């Protein structure tokens, strides 16, 4: 019984860490995944590196964007969620 009482603060800290950090991160990842899956041609997007572009082609894991000076192809995962 005494061992459980000494571990109680550590367990409490772990639970607080889980609730504050892990759950919201999981929600953001789910929203980002839905956003990327629902991309369609003509959508204006921003990449993680800050490049603005318009979607012109969508492949399985890549997206082609039109930017001011031409086209670039990036991974879907590098599109930023607004």
PDB file of N, CA and C in Angstrom:
ATOM      1  N   UNK A   1       0.823  -1.193   0.000  1.00  0.00           N
ATOM      2  CA  UNK A   1       0.000   0.000   0.000  1.00  0.00           C
ATOM      3  C   UNK A   1       0.864   1.252   0.000  1.00  0.00           C
ATOM      4  N   UNK A   2       1.962   1.194   0.744  1.00  0.00           N
ATOM      5  CA  UNK A   2       2.857   2.343   0.843  1.00  0.00           C
ATOM      6  C   UNK A   2       3.519   2.645  -0.502  1.00  0.00           C
ATOM      7  N   UNK A   3       3.804   1.597  -1.287  1.00  0.00           N
ATOM      8  CA  UNK A   3       4.428   1.811  -2.601  1.00  0.00           C
ATOM      9  C   UNK A   3       3.488   2.551  -3.545  1.00  0.00           C
ATOM     10  N   UNK A   4       2.215   2.235  -3.473  1.00  0.00           N
ATOM     11  CA  UNK A   4       1.225   2.892  -4.339  1.00  0.00           C
ATOM     12  C   UNK A   4       1.120   4.373  -3.989  1.00  0.00           C
ATOM     13  N   UNK A   5       1.163   4.676  -2.716  1.00  0.00           N
ATOM     14  CA  UNK A   5       1.082   6.071  -2.277  1.00  0.00           C
ATOM     15  C   UNK A   5       2.313   6.850  -2.754  1.00  0.00           C
ATOM     16  N   UNK A   6       3.478   6.231  -2.745  1.00  0.00           N
ATOM     17  CA  UNK A   6       4.673   6.941  -3.207  1.00  0.00           C
ATOM     18  C   UNK A   6       4.670   7.115  -4.723  1.00  0.00           C
ATOM     19  N   UNK A   7       4.013   6.230  -5.456  1.00  0.00           N
ATOM     20  CA  UNK A   7       3.932   6.344  -6.910  1.00  0.00           C
ATOM     21  C   UNK A   7       2.767   7.209  -7.381  1.00  0.00           C
ATOM     22  N   UNK A   8       1.868   7.552  -6.499  1.00  0.00           N
ATOM     23  CA  UNK A   8       0.692   8.323  -6.863  1.00  0.00           C
ATOM     24  C   UNK A   8       1.025   9.666  -7.527  1.00  0.00           C
ATOM     25  N   UNK A   9       1.985  10.452  -7.030  1.00  0.00           N
ATOM     26  CA  UNK A   9       2.314  11.710  -7.730  1.00  0.00           C
ATOM     27  C   UNK A   9       2.838  11.477  -9.155  1.00  0.00           C
ATOM     28  N   UNK A  10       3.622  10.445  -9.343  1.00  0.00           N
ATOM     29  CA  UNK A  10       4.147  10.141 -10.676  1.00  0.00           C
ATOM     30  C   UNK A  10       3.016   9.722 -11.621  1.00  0.00           C
ATOM     31  N   UNK A  11       2.114   8.920 -11.147  1.00  0.00           N
ATOM     32  CA  UNK A  11       0.967   8.500 -11.950  1.00  0.00           C
ATOM     33  C   UNK A  11       0.089   9.704 -12.287  1.00  0.00           C
ATOM     34  N   UNK A  12      -0.114  10.581 -11.328  1.00  0.00           N
ATOM     35  CA  UNK A  12      -0.914  11.788 -11.558  1.00  0.00           C
ATOM     36  C   UNK A  12      -0.277  12.675 -12.618  1.00  0.00           C
ATOM     37  N   UNK A  13       1.026  12.865 -12.551  1.00  0.00           N
ATOM     38  CA  UNK A  13       1.735  13.667 -13.547  1.00  0.00           C
ATOM     39  C   UNK A  13       1.602  13.035 -14.936  1.00  0.00           C
ATOM     40  N   UNK A  14       1.709  11.743 -15.025  1.00  0.00           N
ATOM     41  CA  UNK A  14       1.560  11.054 -16.301  1.00  0.00           C
ATOM     42  C   UNK A  14       0.159  11.248 -16.875  1.00  0.00           C
ATOM     43  N   UNK A  15      -0.846  11.139 -16.063  1.00  0.00           N
ATOM     44  CA  UNK A  15      -2.226  11.323 -16.521  1.00  0.00           C
ATOM     45  C   UNK A  15      -2.444  12.758 -16.998  1.00  0.00           C
ATOM     46  N   UNK A  16      -1.944  13.734 -16.251  1.00  0.00           N
ATOM     47  CA  UNK A  16      -2.068  15.140 -16.654  1.00  0.00           C
ATOM     48  C   UNK A  16      -1.328  15.382 -17.968  1.00  0.00           C
ATOM     49  N   UNK A  17      -0.137  14.833 -18.106  1.00  0.00           N
ATOM     50  CA  UNK A  17       0.637  14.954 -19.342  1.00  0.00           C
ATOM     51  C   UNK A  17      -0.149  14.382 -20.514  1.00  0.00           C
ATOM     52  N   UNK A  18      -0.744  13.244 -20.333  1.00  0.00           N
ATOM     53  CA  UNK A  18      -1.520  12.591 -21.388  1.00  0.00           C
ATOM     54  C   UNK A  18      -2.707  13.457 -21.806  1.00  0.00           C
ATOM     55  N   UNK A  19      -3.439  13.974 -20.833  1.00  0.00           N
ATOM     56  CA  UNK A  19      -4.638  14.766 -21.122  1.00  0.00           C
ATOM     57  C   UNK A  19      -4.286  16.097 -21.770  1.00  0.00           C
ATOM     58  N   UNK A  20      -3.245  16.753 -21.317  1.00  0.00           N
ATOM     59  CA  UNK A  20      -2.899  18.084 -21.821  1.00  0.00           C
ATOM     60  C   UNK A  20      -2.206  18.028 -23.177  1.00  0.00           C
ATOM     61  N   UNK A  21      -1.354  17.055 -23.412  1.00  0.00           N
ATOM     62  CA  UNK A  21      -0.560  17.036 -24.635  1.00  0.00           C
ATOM     63  C   UNK A  21      -1.018  16.029 -25.677  1.00  0.00           C
ATOM     64  N   UNK A  22      -1.254  14.833 -25.310  1.00  0.00           N
ATOM     65  CA  UNK A  22      -1.479  13.771 -26.283  1.00  0.00           C
ATOM     66  C   UNK A  22      -2.854  13.846 -26.941  1.00  0.00           C
ATOM     67  N   UNK A  23      -3.893  14.047 -26.172  1.00  0.00           N
ATOM     68  CA  UNK A  23      -5.248  14.066 -26.727  1.00  0.00           C
ATOM     69  C   UNK A  23      -5.439  15.213 -27.719  1.00  0.00           C
ATOM     70  N   UNK A  24      -5.051  16.457 -27.408  1.00  0.00           N
ATOM     71  CA  UNK A  24      -5.212  17.531 -28.401  1.00  0.00           C
ATOM     72  C   UNK A  24      -4.368  17.301 -29.662  1.00  0.00           C
ATOM     73  N   UNK A  25      -3.176  16.735 -29.511  1.00  0.00           N
ATOM     74  CA  UNK A  25      -2.334  16.455 -30.671  1.00  0.00           C
ATOM     75  C   UNK A  25      -2.997  15.422 -31.580  1.00  0.00           C
ATOM     76  N   UNK A  26      -3.604  14.441 -30.996  1.00  0.00           N
ATOM     77  CA  UNK A  26      -4.301  13.413 -31.770  1.00  0.00           C
ATOM     78  C   UNK A  26      -5.481  14.016 -32.526  1.00  0.00           C
ATOM     79  N   UNK A  27      -6.200  14.944 -31.889  1.00  0.00           N
ATOM     80  CA  UNK A  27      -7.319  15.618 -32.555  1.00  0.00           C
ATOM     81  C   UNK A  27      -6.831  16.443 -33.737  1.00  0.00           C
ATOM     82  N   UNK A  28      -5.705  17.176 -33.556  1.00  0.00           N
ATOM     83  CA  UNK A  28      -5.148  17.978 -34.656  1.00  0.00           C
ATOM     84  C   UNK A  28      -4.725  17.088 -35.809  1.00  0.00           C
ATOM     85  N   UNK A  29      -4.106  15.960 -35.518  1.00  0.00           N
ATOM     86  CA  UNK A  29      -3.690  15.036 -36.576  1.00  0.00           C
ATOM     87  C   UNK A  29      -4.896  14.499 -37.333  1.00  0.00           C
ATOM     88  N   UNK A  30      -5.965  14.212 -36.639  1.00  0.00           N
ATOM     89  CA  UNK A  30      -7.170  13.701 -37.291  1.00  0.00           C
ATOM     90  C   UNK A  30      -7.777  14.764 -38.198  1.00  0.00           C
ATOM     91  N   UNK A  31      -7.844  16.023 -37.738  1.00  0.00           N
ATOM     92  CA  UNK A  31      -8.379  17.115 -38.559  1.00  0.00           C
ATOM     93  C   UNK A  31      -7.499  17.354 -39.785  1.00  0.00           C
ATOM     94  N   UNK A  32      -6.178  17.296 -39.609  1.00  0.00           N
ATOM     95  CA  UNK A  32      -5.260  17.493 -40.730  1.00  0.00           C
ATOM     96  C   UNK A  32      -5.436  16.387 -41.768  1.00  0.00           C
ATOM     97  N   UNK A  33      -5.574  15.159 -41.311  1.00  0.00           N
ATOM     98  CA  UNK A  33      -5.766  14.039 -42.225  1.00  0.00           C
ATOM     99  C   UNK A  33      -7.060  14.206 -43.020  1.00  0.00           C
ATOM    100  N   UNK A  34      -8.139  14.597 -42.358  1.00  0.00           N
ATOM    101  CA  UNK A  34      -9.409  14.827 -43.043  1.00  0.00           C
ATOM    102  C   UNK A  34      -9.281  15.958 -44.060  1.00  0.00           C
ATOM    103  N   UNK A  35      -8.579  17.033 -43.681  1.00  0.00           N
ATOM    104  CA  UNK A  35      -8.387  18.180 -44.566  1.00  0.00           C
ATOM    105  C   UNK A  35      -7.634  17.761 -45.827  1.00  0.00           C
ATOM    106  N   UNK A  36      -6.572  17.013 -45.660  1.00  0.00           N
ATOM    107  CA  UNK A  36      -5.760  16.588 -46.803  1.00  0.00           C
ATOM    108  C   UNK A  36      -6.537  15.609 -47.680  1.00  0.00           C
ATOM    109  N   UNK A  37      -7.309  14.722 -47.081  1.00  0.00           N
ATOM    110  CA  UNK A  37      -8.094  13.763 -47.861  1.00  0.00           C
ATOM    111  C   UNK A  37      -9.201  14.445 -48.659  1.00  0.00           C
ATOM    112  N   UNK A  38      -9.678  15.586 -48.185  1.00  0.00           N
ATOM    113  CA  UNK A  38     -10.770  16.291 -48.858  1.00  0.00           C
ATOM    114  C   UNK A  38     -10.283  17.387 -49.804  1.00  0.00           C
ATOM    115  N   UNK A  39      -8.987  17.442 -50.074  1.00  0.00           N
ATOM    116  CA  UNK A  39      -8.473  18.426 -51.030  1.00  0.00           C
ATOM    117  C   UNK A  39      -9.054  18.155 -52.409  1.00  0.00           C
ATOM    118  N   UNK A  40      -9.304  19.215 -53.129  1.00  0.00           N
ATOM    119  CA  UNK A  40      -9.770  19.059 -54.497  1.00  0.00           C
ATOM    120  C   UNK A  40      -9.063  20.083 -55.375  1.00  0.00           C
ATOM    121  N   UNK A  41      -9.084  19.841 -56.658  1.00  0.00           N
ATOM    122  CA  UNK A  41      -8.422  20.722 -57.609  1.00  0.00           C
ATOM    123  C   UNK A  41      -9.063  22.102 -57.524  1.00  0.00           C
ATOM    124  N   UNK A  42      -8.207  23.121 -57.462  1.00  0.00           N
ATOM    125  CA  UNK A  42      -8.667  24.501 -57.356  1.00  0.00           C
ATOM    126  C   UNK A  42      -8.575  25.064 -55.955  1.00  0.00           C
ATOM    127  N   UNK A  43      -8.342  24.225 -54.942  1.00  0.00           N
ATOM    128  CA  UNK A  43      -8.207  24.706 -53.565  1.00  0.00           C
ATOM    129  C   UNK A  43      -6.908  25.480 -53.401  1.00  0.00           C
ATOM    130  N   UNK A  44      -6.973  26.595 -52.694  1.00  0.00           N
ATOM    131  CA  UNK A  44      -5.768  27.342 -52.334  1.00  0.00           C
ATOM    132  C   UNK A  44      -5.252  26.794 -51.016  1.00  0.00           C
ATOM    133  N   UNK A  45      -3.946  26.500 -50.977  1.00  0.00           N
ATOM    134  CA  UNK A  45      -3.342  25.905 -49.785  1.00  0.00           C
ATOM    135  C   UNK A  45      -2.043  26.612 -49.441  1.00  0.00           C
ATOM    136  N   UNK A  46      -1.558  26.322 -48.251  1.00  0.00           N
ATOM    137  CA  UNK A  46      -0.259  26.792 -47.778  1.00  0.00           C
ATOM    138  C   UNK A  46       0.527  25.562 -47.363  1.00  0.00           C
ATOM    139  N   UNK A  47       1.796  25.493 -47.768  1.00  0.00           N
ATOM    140  CA  UNK A  47       2.626  24.367 -47.355  1.00  0.00           C
ATOM    141  C   UNK A  47       3.199  24.651 -45.975  1.00  0.00           C
ATOM    142  N   UNK A  48       3.801  23.639 -45.370  1.00  0.00           N
ATOM    143  CA  UNK A  48       4.436  23.814 -44.061  1.00  0.00           C
ATOM    144  C   UNK A  48       5.569  24.829 -44.116  1.00  0.00           C
ATOM    145  N   UNK A  49       6.185  24.988 -45.275  1.00  0.00           N
ATOM    146  CA  UNK A  49       7.291  25.932 -45.413  1.00  0.00           C
ATOM    147  C   UNK A  49       6.815  27.331 -45.764  1.00  0.00           C
ATOM    148  N   UNK A  50       5.490  27.534 -45.900  1.00  0.00           N
ATOM    149  CA  UNK A  50       4.956  28.869 -46.130  1.00  0.00           C
ATOM    150  C   UNK A  50       4.734  29.226 -47.584  1.00  0.00           C
ATOM    151  N   UNK A  51       4.731  28.264 -48.477  1.00  0.00           N
ATOM    152  CA  UNK A  51       4.516  28.533 -49.891  1.00  0.00           C
ATOM    153  C   UNK A  51       3.011  28.479 -50.173  1.00  0.00           C
ATOM    154  N   UNK A  52       2.501  29.537 -50.799  1.00  0.00           N
ATOM    155  CA  UNK A  52       1.094  29.592 -51.175  1.00  0.00           C
ATOM    156  C   UNK A  52       0.952  29.036 -52.580  1.00  0.00           C
ATOM    157  N   UNK A  53      -0.086  28.250 -52.814  1.00  0.00           N
ATOM    158  CA  UNK A  53      -0.313  27.707 -54.140  1.00  0.00           C
ATOM    159  C   UNK A  53      -1.738  27.225 -54.315  1.00  0.00           C
ATOM    160  N   UNK A  54      -2.066  26.870 -55.553  1.00  0.00           N
ATOM    161  CA  UNK A  54      -3.375  26.342 -55.887  1.00  0.00           C
ATOM    162  C   UNK A  54      -3.202  24.924 -56.400  1.00  0.00           C
ATOM    163  N   UNK A  55      -4.013  24.019 -55.934  1.00  0.00           N
ATOM    164  CA  UNK A  55      -3.926  22.613 -56.304  1.00  0.00           C
ATOM    165  C   UNK A  55      -4.386  22.447 -57.752  1.00  0.00           C
ATOM    166  N   UNK A  56      -3.524  21.785 -58.572  1.00  0.00           N
ATOM    167  CA  UNK A  56      -3.890  21.525 -59.965  1.00  0.00           C
ATOM    168  C   UNK A  56      -3.913  20.030 -60.282  1.00  0.00           C
ATOM    169  N   UNK A  57      -3.291  19.216 -59.448  1.00  0.00           N
ATOM    170  CA  UNK A  57      -3.269  17.780 -59.687  1.00  0.00           C
ATOM    171  C   UNK A  57      -3.119  17.076 -58.345  1.00  0.00           C
ATOM    172  N   UNK A  58      -3.844  15.992 -58.169  1.00  0.00           N
ATOM    173  CA  UNK A  58      -3.775  15.228 -56.926  1.00  0.00           C
ATOM    174  C   UNK A  58      -3.474  13.783 -57.280  1.00  0.00           C
ATOM    175  N   UNK A  59      -2.395  13.266 -56.693  1.00  0.00           N
ATOM    176  CA  UNK A  59      -2.047  11.857 -56.844  1.00  0.00           C
ATOM    177  C   UNK A  59      -2.267  11.180 -55.497  1.00  0.00           C
ATOM    178  N   UNK A  60      -1.857   9.928 -55.403  1.00  0.00           N
ATOM    179  CA  UNK A  60      -2.096   9.169 -54.174  1.00  0.00           C
ATOM    180  C   UNK A  60      -1.483   9.842 -52.949  1.00  0.00           C
ATOM    181  N   UNK A  61      -0.203  10.193 -53.031  1.00  0.00           N
ATOM    182  CA  UNK A  61       0.465  10.803 -51.877  1.00  0.00           C
ATOM    183  C   UNK A  61       1.109  12.144 -52.197  1.00  0.00           C
ATOM    184  N   UNK A  62       0.899  12.667 -53.409  1.00  0.00           N
ATOM    185  CA  UNK A  62       1.503  13.931 -53.821  1.00  0.00           C
ATOM    186  C   UNK A  62       0.451  14.875 -54.381  1.00  0.00           C
ATOM    187  N   UNK A  63       0.774  16.156 -54.300  1.00  0.00           N
ATOM    188  CA  UNK A  63      -0.094  17.205 -54.823  1.00  0.00           C
ATOM    189  C   UNK A  63       0.765  18.131 -55.664  1.00  0.00           C
ATOM    190  N   UNK A  64       0.255  18.542 -56.821  1.00  0.00           N
ATOM    191  CA  UNK A  64       0.944  19.516 -57.650  1.00  0.00           C
ATOM    192  C   UNK A  64       0.279  20.863 -57.427  1.00  0.00           C
ATOM    193  N   UNK A  65       1.108  21.865 -57.114  1.00  0.00           N
ATOM    194  CA  UNK A  65       0.616  23.213 -56.856  1.00  0.00           C
ATOM    195  C   UNK A  65       1.123  24.158 -57.929  1.00  0.00           C
ATOM    196  N   UNK A  66       0.304  25.117 -58.310  1.00  0.00           N
ATOM    197  CA  UNK A  66       0.736  26.205 -59.176  1.00  0.00           C
ATOM    198  C   UNK A  66       1.133  27.343 -58.257  1.00  0.00           C
ATOM    199  N   UNK A  67       2.363  27.817 -58.436  1.00  0.00           N
ATOM    200  CA  UNK A  67       2.849  28.976 -57.716  1.00  0.00           C
ATOM    201  C   UNK A  67       3.158  30.054 -58.744  1.00  0.00           C
ATOM    202  N   UNK A  68       3.576  31.209 -58.291  1.00  0.00           N
ATOM    203  CA  UNK A  68       3.781  32.348 -59.184  1.00  0.00           C
ATOM    204  C   UNK A  68       4.744  32.037 -60.324  1.00  0.00           C
ATOM    205  N   UNK A  69       5.784  31.290 -60.080  1.00  0.00           N
ATOM    206  CA  UNK A  69       6.822  31.039 -61.085  1.00  0.00           C
ATOM    207  C   UNK A  69       6.738  29.652 -61.722  1.00  0.00           C
ATOM    208  N   UNK A  70       5.658  28.926 -61.543  1.00  0.00           N
ATOM    209  CA  UNK A  70       5.558  27.604 -62.159  1.00  0.00           C
ATOM    210  C   UNK A  70       4.779  26.640 -61.288  1.00  0.00           C
ATOM    211  N   UNK A  71       5.160  25.380 -61.370  1.00  0.00           N
ATOM    212  CA  UNK A  71       4.494  24.332 -60.608  1.00  0.00           C
ATOM    213  C   UNK A  71       5.496  23.618 -59.714  1.00  0.00           C
ATOM    214  N   UNK A  72       5.021  23.157 -58.586  1.00  0.00           N
ATOM    215  CA  UNK A  72       5.830  22.321 -57.700  1.00  0.00           C
ATOM    216  C   UNK A  72       4.993  21.122 -57.289  1.00  0.00           C
ATOM    217  N   UNK A  73       5.671  20.042 -56.982  1.00  0.00           N
ATOM    218  CA  UNK A  73       5.004  18.834 -56.511  1.00  0.00           C
ATOM    219  C   UNK A  73       5.479  18.572 -55.094  1.00  0.00           C
ATOM    220  N   UNK A  74       4.544  18.423 -54.177  1.00  0.00           N
ATOM    221  CA  UNK A  74       4.889  18.189 -52.778  1.00  0.00           C
ATOM    222  C   UNK A  74       4.098  17.002 -52.256  1.00  0.00           C
ATOM    223  N   UNK A  75       4.511  16.492 -51.128  1.00  0.00           N
ATOM    224  CA  UNK A  75       3.774  15.422 -50.447  1.00  0.00           C
ATOM    225  C   UNK A  75       2.529  16.018 -49.799  1.00  0.00           C
ATOM    226  N   UNK A  76       1.475  15.243 -49.767  1.00  0.00           N
ATOM    227  CA  UNK A  76       0.238  15.709 -49.133  1.00  0.00           C
ATOM    228  C   UNK A  76       0.463  16.058 -47.661  1.00  0.00           C
ATOM    229  N   UNK A  77       1.330  15.335 -47.027  1.00  0.00           N
ATOM    230  CA  UNK A  77       1.557  15.564 -45.596  1.00  0.00           C
ATOM    231  C   UNK A  77       2.206  16.915 -45.312  1.00  0.00           C
ATOM    232  N   UNK A  78       2.779  17.558 -46.336  1.00  0.00           N
ATOM    233  CA  UNK A  78       3.419  18.858 -46.143  1.00  0.00           C
ATOM    234  C   UNK A  78       2.484  20.029 -46.352  1.00  0.00           C
ATOM    235  N   UNK A  79       1.215  19.759 -46.549  1.00  0.00           N
ATOM    236  CA  UNK A  79       0.235  20.838 -46.653  1.00  0.00           C
ATOM    237  C   UNK A  79      -0.196  21.193 -45.246  1.00  0.00           C
ATOM    238  N   UNK A  80      -0.172  22.492 -44.955  1.00  0.00           N
ATOM    239  CA  UNK A  80      -0.492  22.968 -43.627  1.00  0.00           C
ATOM    240  C   UNK A  80      -1.993  23.038 -43.432  1.00  0.00           C
ATOM    241  N   UNK A  81      -2.432  22.696 -42.236  1.00  0.00           N
ATOM    242  CA  UNK A  81      -3.842  22.793 -41.881  1.00  0.00           C
ATOM    243  C   UNK A  81      -4.088  24.174 -41.297  1.00  0.00           C
ATOM    244  N   UNK A  82      -5.045  24.882 -41.859  1.00  0.00           N
ATOM    245  CA  UNK A  82      -5.316  26.266 -41.449  1.00  0.00           C
ATOM    246  C   UNK A  82      -6.012  26.307 -40.127  1.00  0.00           C
TER     247      UNK A  82
END
